[in-house]
Amino acid sequence: QVQLVESGGGLVQAGGSLRLSCAASARTFSNYALGWFRQAPGKEREFVAGISRSGRSTDYADAVKGRFTISSDNAKNTVSLQMSSLKPEDTALYYCAARFEVLAEYIVIHRRDYNYWGQGTQVTVSS
């Protein structure tokens, strides 16, 4: 069982930055592929960014490419999402997710493929 706890959300003006963090309880954190998703009111939860268990491979949704960066720290059991040039349309509840993964460089992008989820942290971007 893996517990995930997100932090770092808040209110920011358009063009600003925020850094989200997710702390994981997994004993073997490096065995998990990790991801960030977001869900705006009235919309489906959508993929934002993913990182392989090795930490070397990443993927991003087109809407955030060039603005967001996902990273992981196996020593601290954390996965982070650095968000820059924020836009009002980035407003959502952000979730981190984890999946036990055998392949070192595989990135999980589908919501249905993740086994563990955090409770979410709210990001609000004002115009």
N, C-alpha and C. Protein backbone atom coordinates (compact mmCIF):
# COMPACT_ATOMS: atom_id res chain seq x y z
N GLN A 1 0.84 -1.19 0.00
CA GLN A 1 0.00 0.00 0.00
C GLN A 1 0.88 1.25 0.00
N VAL A 2 0.50 2.22 -0.83
CA VAL A 2 1.25 3.46 -0.94
C VAL A 2 0.33 4.61 -0.59
N GLN A 3 0.79 5.46 0.29
CA GLN A 3 0.04 6.68 0.60
C GLN A 3 0.76 7.87 -0.01
N LEU A 4 -0.03 8.74 -0.63
CA LEU A 4 0.51 9.92 -1.30
C LEU A 4 -0.13 11.17 -0.72
N VAL A 5 0.70 12.15 -0.40
CA VAL A 5 0.20 13.39 0.18
C VAL A 5 0.78 14.57 -0.59
N GLU A 6 -0.12 15.32 -1.24
CA GLU A 6 0.31 16.48 -2.02
C GLU A 6 0.37 17.74 -1.15
N SER A 7 1.21 18.68 -1.57
CA SER A 7 1.29 19.98 -0.91
C SER A 7 1.78 21.01 -1.92
N GLY A 8 1.64 22.28 -1.55
CA GLY A 8 2.20 23.34 -2.38
C GLY A 8 1.20 24.11 -3.22
N GLY A 9 -0.05 23.70 -3.19
CA GLY A 9 -1.05 24.42 -3.96
C GLY A 9 -1.33 25.79 -3.36
N GLY A 10 -2.08 26.60 -4.09
CA GLY A 10 -2.43 27.92 -3.59
C GLY A 10 -2.99 28.80 -4.67
N LEU A 11 -3.07 30.09 -4.33
CA LEU A 11 -3.58 31.10 -5.26
C LEU A 11 -2.40 31.89 -5.82
N VAL A 12 -2.37 32.04 -7.14
CA VAL A 12 -1.28 32.74 -7.79
C VAL A 12 -1.83 33.54 -8.96
N GLN A 13 -1.18 34.63 -9.27
CA GLN A 13 -1.60 35.42 -10.43
C GLN A 13 -1.10 34.79 -11.73
N ALA A 14 -1.81 35.07 -12.79
CA ALA A 14 -1.39 34.59 -14.11
C ALA A 14 0.05 35.05 -14.38
N GLY A 15 0.84 34.11 -14.92
CA GLY A 15 2.24 34.39 -15.16
C GLY A 15 3.16 33.98 -14.04
N GLY A 16 2.57 33.66 -12.90
CA GLY A 16 3.35 33.27 -11.74
C GLY A 16 3.75 31.81 -11.75
N SER A 17 4.37 31.38 -10.64
CA SER A 17 4.87 30.02 -10.52
C SER A 17 4.44 29.39 -9.20
N LEU A 18 4.35 28.08 -9.23
CA LEU A 18 4.11 27.29 -8.02
C LEU A 18 4.86 25.99 -8.15
N ARG A 19 5.21 25.42 -7.00
CA ARG A 19 5.86 24.11 -6.99
C ARG A 19 5.02 23.18 -6.12
N LEU A 20 4.52 22.13 -6.74
CA LEU A 20 3.77 21.11 -6.01
C LEU A 20 4.71 19.97 -5.62
N SER A 21 4.47 19.43 -4.45
CA SER A 21 5.23 18.27 -4.00
C SER A 21 4.28 17.16 -3.58
N CYS A 22 4.76 15.94 -3.71
CA CYS A 22 3.97 14.78 -3.30
C CYS A 22 4.90 13.84 -2.54
N ALA A 23 4.58 13.59 -1.29
CA ALA A 23 5.36 12.69 -0.46
C ALA A 23 4.72 11.31 -0.47
N ALA A 24 5.54 10.29 -0.68
CA ALA A 24 5.04 8.92 -0.77
C ALA A 24 5.55 8.08 0.38
N SER A 25 4.71 7.14 0.80
CA SER A 25 5.07 6.29 1.92
C SER A 25 5.70 4.98 1.49
N ALA A 26 5.84 4.77 0.20
CA ALA A 26 6.32 3.49 -0.33
C ALA A 26 7.70 3.14 0.22
N ARG A 27 7.87 1.87 0.60
CA ARG A 27 9.18 1.43 1.09
C ARG A 27 10.20 1.39 -0.02
N THR A 28 9.74 1.08 -1.23
CA THR A 28 10.64 1.03 -2.39
C THR A 28 10.13 2.01 -3.43
N PHE A 29 10.30 3.26 -3.12
CA PHE A 29 9.78 4.34 -3.95
C PHE A 29 10.27 4.24 -5.38
N SER A 30 11.49 3.79 -5.58
CA SER A 30 12.09 3.74 -6.91
C SER A 30 11.45 2.67 -7.79
N ASN A 31 10.54 1.87 -7.27
CA ASN A 31 9.83 0.87 -8.07
C ASN A 31 8.56 1.41 -8.70
N TYR A 32 8.29 2.70 -8.49
CA TYR A 32 7.02 3.26 -8.92
C TYR A 32 7.19 4.31 -10.01
N ALA A 33 6.37 4.17 -11.06
CA ALA A 33 6.20 5.25 -12.01
C ALA A 33 5.23 6.25 -11.38
N LEU A 34 5.43 7.52 -11.66
CA LEU A 34 4.68 8.56 -10.97
C LEU A 34 4.08 9.54 -11.97
N GLY A 35 3.02 10.19 -11.54
CA GLY A 35 2.40 11.15 -12.43
C GLY A 35 1.63 12.22 -11.69
N TRP A 36 1.32 13.29 -12.41
CA TRP A 36 0.45 14.35 -11.92
C TRP A 36 -0.76 14.46 -12.87
N PHE A 37 -1.91 14.57 -12.27
CA PHE A 37 -3.15 14.79 -13.01
C PHE A 37 -3.84 16.02 -12.42
N ARG A 38 -4.82 16.52 -13.14
CA ARG A 38 -5.59 17.65 -12.61
C ARG A 38 -7.05 17.51 -13.03
N GLN A 39 -7.90 18.11 -12.23
CA GLN A 39 -9.33 18.06 -12.52
C GLN A 39 -9.94 19.41 -12.20
N ALA A 40 -10.46 20.05 -13.23
CA ALA A 40 -11.16 21.32 -13.07
C ALA A 40 -12.65 21.03 -12.85
N PRO A 41 -13.38 21.94 -12.25
CA PRO A 41 -14.81 21.73 -12.01
C PRO A 41 -15.55 21.40 -13.29
N GLY A 42 -16.31 20.33 -13.26
CA GLY A 42 -17.12 19.95 -14.41
C GLY A 42 -16.36 19.25 -15.52
N LYS A 43 -15.09 18.96 -15.27
CA LYS A 43 -14.28 18.32 -16.30
C LYS A 43 -13.70 17.00 -15.80
N GLU A 44 -13.25 16.19 -16.76
CA GLU A 44 -12.62 14.93 -16.42
C GLU A 44 -11.21 15.17 -15.85
N ARG A 45 -10.78 14.22 -15.04
CA ARG A 45 -9.40 14.28 -14.56
C ARG A 45 -8.47 14.00 -15.74
N GLU A 46 -7.47 14.85 -15.93
CA GLU A 46 -6.61 14.72 -17.10
C GLU A 46 -5.14 14.62 -16.73
N PHE A 47 -4.42 13.94 -17.57
CA PHE A 47 -2.98 13.77 -17.41
C PHE A 47 -2.27 15.11 -17.57
N VAL A 48 -1.30 15.36 -16.70
CA VAL A 48 -0.49 16.58 -16.78
C VAL A 48 0.96 16.23 -17.10
N ALA A 49 1.53 15.32 -16.29
CA ALA A 49 2.94 14.95 -16.48
C ALA A 49 3.19 13.60 -15.86
N GLY A 50 4.18 12.89 -16.41
CA GLY A 50 4.54 11.59 -15.87
C GLY A 50 6.05 11.42 -15.88
N ILE A 51 6.55 10.58 -14.97
CA ILE A 51 7.97 10.32 -14.89
C ILE A 51 8.18 8.84 -14.63
N SER A 52 9.18 8.28 -15.27
CA SER A 52 9.45 6.85 -15.12
C SER A 52 10.05 6.56 -13.74
N ARG A 53 10.09 5.30 -13.37
CA ARG A 53 10.64 4.94 -12.06
C ARG A 53 12.11 5.28 -11.97
N SER A 54 12.82 5.30 -13.10
CA SER A 54 14.24 5.67 -13.10
C SER A 54 14.43 7.17 -12.87
N GLY A 55 13.39 7.94 -13.17
CA GLY A 55 13.50 9.40 -13.10
C GLY A 55 14.11 10.03 -14.33
N ARG A 56 14.50 9.21 -15.29
CA ARG A 56 15.19 9.75 -16.49
C ARG A 56 14.23 10.10 -17.61
N SER A 57 13.06 9.51 -17.63
CA SER A 57 12.11 9.74 -18.72
C SER A 57 10.89 10.47 -18.22
N THR A 58 10.46 11.47 -19.01
CA THR A 58 9.29 12.26 -18.63
C THR A 58 8.40 12.48 -19.85
N ASP A 59 7.16 12.81 -19.59
CA ASP A 59 6.22 13.14 -20.64
C ASP A 59 5.24 14.17 -20.09
N TYR A 60 4.70 14.99 -20.99
CA TYR A 60 3.82 16.07 -20.57
C TYR A 60 2.62 16.19 -21.51
N ALA A 61 1.54 16.67 -20.96
CA ALA A 61 0.40 17.03 -21.80
C ALA A 61 0.81 18.24 -22.64
N ASP A 62 0.26 18.32 -23.83
CA ASP A 62 0.60 19.43 -24.73
C ASP A 62 0.33 20.78 -24.08
N ALA A 63 -0.72 20.85 -23.26
CA ALA A 63 -1.11 22.13 -22.67
C ALA A 63 -0.08 22.69 -21.70
N VAL A 64 0.81 21.84 -21.20
CA VAL A 64 1.77 22.30 -20.19
C VAL A 64 3.22 22.19 -20.62
N LYS A 65 3.45 21.65 -21.80
CA LYS A 65 4.83 21.48 -22.28
C LYS A 65 5.54 22.83 -22.33
N GLY A 66 6.76 22.84 -21.84
CA GLY A 66 7.55 24.06 -21.81
C GLY A 66 7.27 24.94 -20.61
N ARG A 67 6.22 24.64 -19.85
CA ARG A 67 5.89 25.45 -18.67
C ARG A 67 6.01 24.67 -17.37
N PHE A 68 5.74 23.37 -17.42
CA PHE A 68 5.78 22.53 -16.22
C PHE A 68 6.95 21.56 -16.32
N THR A 69 7.51 21.22 -15.15
CA THR A 69 8.59 20.23 -15.09
C THR A 69 8.32 19.28 -13.94
N ILE A 70 8.33 17.98 -14.26
CA ILE A 70 8.16 16.95 -13.23
C ILE A 70 9.53 16.39 -12.86
N SER A 71 9.72 16.10 -11.59
CA SER A 71 10.97 15.52 -11.14
C SER A 71 10.69 14.63 -9.93
N SER A 72 11.60 13.71 -9.69
CA SER A 72 11.44 12.82 -8.54
C SER A 72 12.75 12.75 -7.76
N ASP A 73 12.63 12.48 -6.50
CA ASP A 73 13.80 12.35 -5.61
C ASP A 73 13.62 11.06 -4.83
N ASN A 74 14.33 10.02 -5.23
CA ASN A 74 14.17 8.72 -4.60
C ASN A 74 14.68 8.72 -3.16
N ALA A 75 15.63 9.57 -2.86
CA ALA A 75 16.16 9.63 -1.50
C ALA A 75 15.14 10.21 -0.53
N LYS A 76 14.29 11.10 -1.04
CA LYS A 76 13.30 11.76 -0.19
C LYS A 76 11.89 11.22 -0.41
N ASN A 77 11.74 10.26 -1.32
CA ASN A 77 10.42 9.70 -1.63
C ASN A 77 9.42 10.79 -2.03
N THR A 78 9.86 11.67 -2.91
CA THR A 78 8.98 12.74 -3.35
C THR A 78 8.97 12.88 -4.87
N VAL A 79 7.86 13.36 -5.37
CA VAL A 79 7.74 13.74 -6.77
C VAL A 79 7.20 15.17 -6.79
N SER A 80 7.78 15.99 -7.63
CA SER A 80 7.43 17.41 -7.65
C SER A 80 6.97 17.84 -9.04
N LEU A 81 6.22 18.93 -9.04
CA LEU A 81 5.79 19.52 -10.30
C LEU A 81 6.05 21.02 -10.20
N GLN A 82 7.03 21.48 -10.93
CA GLN A 82 7.33 22.90 -10.99
C GLN A 82 6.50 23.51 -12.10
N MET A 83 5.67 24.49 -11.74
CA MET A 83 4.76 25.09 -12.71
C MET A 83 5.12 26.57 -12.88
N SER A 84 5.33 26.96 -14.12
CA SER A 84 5.69 28.34 -14.42
C SER A 84 4.75 28.88 -15.48
N SER A 85 4.78 30.21 -15.64
CA SER A 85 3.91 30.87 -16.64
C SER A 85 2.48 30.38 -16.53
N LEU A 86 1.99 30.35 -15.31
CA LEU A 86 0.66 29.81 -15.06
C LEU A 86 -0.42 30.64 -15.72
N LYS A 87 -1.46 29.94 -16.15
CA LYS A 87 -2.60 30.56 -16.84
C LYS A 87 -3.88 30.26 -16.05
N PRO A 88 -4.90 31.09 -16.20
CA PRO A 88 -6.16 30.79 -15.51
C PRO A 88 -6.70 29.40 -15.83
N GLU A 89 -6.46 28.92 -17.01
CA GLU A 89 -6.95 27.58 -17.38
C GLU A 89 -6.18 26.45 -16.69
N ASP A 90 -5.12 26.77 -15.97
CA ASP A 90 -4.43 25.77 -15.17
C ASP A 90 -5.11 25.55 -13.82
N THR A 91 -6.11 26.35 -13.52
CA THR A 91 -6.83 26.21 -12.26
C THR A 91 -7.50 24.85 -12.18
N ALA A 92 -7.20 24.12 -11.12
CA ALA A 92 -7.73 22.76 -10.96
C ALA A 92 -7.26 22.20 -9.63
N LEU A 93 -7.83 21.06 -9.30
CA LEU A 93 -7.33 20.25 -8.20
C LEU A 93 -6.28 19.30 -8.78
N TYR A 94 -5.07 19.36 -8.24
CA TYR A 94 -3.96 18.58 -8.78
C TYR A 94 -3.70 17.35 -7.90
N TYR A 95 -3.59 16.20 -8.56
CA TYR A 95 -3.38 14.94 -7.88
C TYR A 95 -2.05 14.31 -8.31
N CYS A 96 -1.36 13.69 -7.38
CA CYS A 96 -0.26 12.85 -7.78
C CYS A 96 -0.72 11.39 -7.74
N ALA A 97 -0.05 10.56 -8.51
CA ALA A 97 -0.44 9.16 -8.65
C ALA A 97 0.81 8.31 -8.78
N ALA A 98 0.66 7.04 -8.40
CA ALA A 98 1.79 6.11 -8.45
C ALA A 98 1.32 4.75 -8.94
N ARG A 99 2.23 4.07 -9.62
CA ARG A 99 1.94 2.73 -10.11
C ARG A 99 3.21 1.89 -10.00
N PHE A 100 3.10 0.72 -9.41
CA PHE A 100 4.25 -0.19 -9.37
C PHE A 100 4.58 -0.58 -10.80
N GLU A 101 5.83 -0.39 -11.19
CA GLU A 101 6.22 -0.58 -12.57
C GLU A 101 7.54 -1.34 -12.67
N VAL A 102 7.53 -2.36 -13.53
CA VAL A 102 8.73 -3.17 -13.72
C VAL A 102 9.72 -2.49 -14.67
N LEU A 103 9.17 -1.87 -15.70
CA LEU A 103 10.03 -1.26 -16.72
C LEU A 103 10.60 0.06 -16.22
N ALA A 104 11.90 0.21 -16.30
CA ALA A 104 12.57 1.37 -15.70
C ALA A 104 12.22 2.69 -16.38
N GLU A 105 11.96 2.66 -17.69
CA GLU A 105 11.75 3.90 -18.43
C GLU A 105 10.30 4.10 -18.88
N TYR A 106 9.40 3.26 -18.41
CA TYR A 106 8.00 3.36 -18.85
C TYR A 106 7.31 4.51 -18.14
N ILE A 107 6.58 5.30 -18.90
CA ILE A 107 5.82 6.43 -18.35
C ILE A 107 4.34 6.10 -18.45
N VAL A 108 3.65 6.19 -17.37
CA VAL A 108 2.23 5.86 -17.32
C VAL A 108 1.42 7.14 -17.55
N ILE A 109 0.61 7.15 -18.60
CA ILE A 109 -0.13 8.37 -18.91
C ILE A 109 -1.64 8.24 -18.76
N HIS A 110 -2.13 7.02 -18.63
CA HIS A 110 -3.57 6.82 -18.53
C HIS A 110 -4.01 6.73 -17.08
N ARG A 111 -5.01 7.44 -16.75
CA ARG A 111 -5.53 7.48 -15.39
C ARG A 111 -5.85 6.07 -14.89
N ARG A 112 -6.42 5.24 -15.74
CA ARG A 112 -6.87 3.91 -15.35
C ARG A 112 -5.72 2.99 -14.95
N ASP A 113 -4.52 3.33 -15.35
CA ASP A 113 -3.36 2.47 -15.09
C ASP A 113 -2.67 2.76 -13.77
N TYR A 114 -3.08 3.80 -13.08
CA TYR A 114 -2.47 4.12 -11.79
C TYR A 114 -3.20 3.42 -10.66
N ASN A 115 -2.44 2.95 -9.68
CA ASN A 115 -3.00 2.20 -8.56
C ASN A 115 -3.26 3.07 -7.34
N TYR A 116 -2.46 4.10 -7.18
CA TYR A 116 -2.52 4.89 -5.94
C TYR A 116 -2.66 6.37 -6.26
N TRP A 117 -3.46 7.05 -5.45
CA TRP A 117 -3.75 8.46 -5.65
C TRP A 117 -3.68 9.23 -4.34
N GLY A 118 -3.25 10.47 -4.46
CA GLY A 118 -3.32 11.37 -3.32
C GLY A 118 -4.69 12.02 -3.26
N GLN A 119 -4.88 12.89 -2.26
CA GLN A 119 -6.16 13.56 -2.06
C GLN A 119 -6.29 14.84 -2.88
N GLY A 120 -5.19 15.33 -3.40
CA GLY A 120 -5.23 16.51 -4.25
C GLY A 120 -4.88 17.80 -3.52
N THR A 121 -4.37 18.75 -4.28
CA THR A 121 -4.07 20.09 -3.77
C THR A 121 -4.57 21.10 -4.78
N GLN A 122 -5.25 22.14 -4.28
CA GLN A 122 -5.91 23.10 -5.17
C GLN A 122 -4.93 24.14 -5.68
N VAL A 123 -4.99 24.37 -6.98
CA VAL A 123 -4.23 25.45 -7.62
C VAL A 123 -5.23 26.38 -8.28
N THR A 124 -5.16 27.65 -7.92
CA THR A 124 -6.05 28.65 -8.50
C THR A 124 -5.20 29.76 -9.09
N VAL A 125 -5.42 30.02 -10.38
CA VAL A 125 -4.66 31.06 -11.08
C VAL A 125 -5.63 32.19 -11.44
N SER A 126 -5.37 33.36 -10.92
CA SER A 126 -6.24 34.51 -11.18
C SER A 126 -5.72 35.30 -12.38
N SER A 127 -6.65 35.88 -13.11
CA SER A 127 -6.28 36.65 -14.32
C SER A 127 -6.00 38.11 -13.98
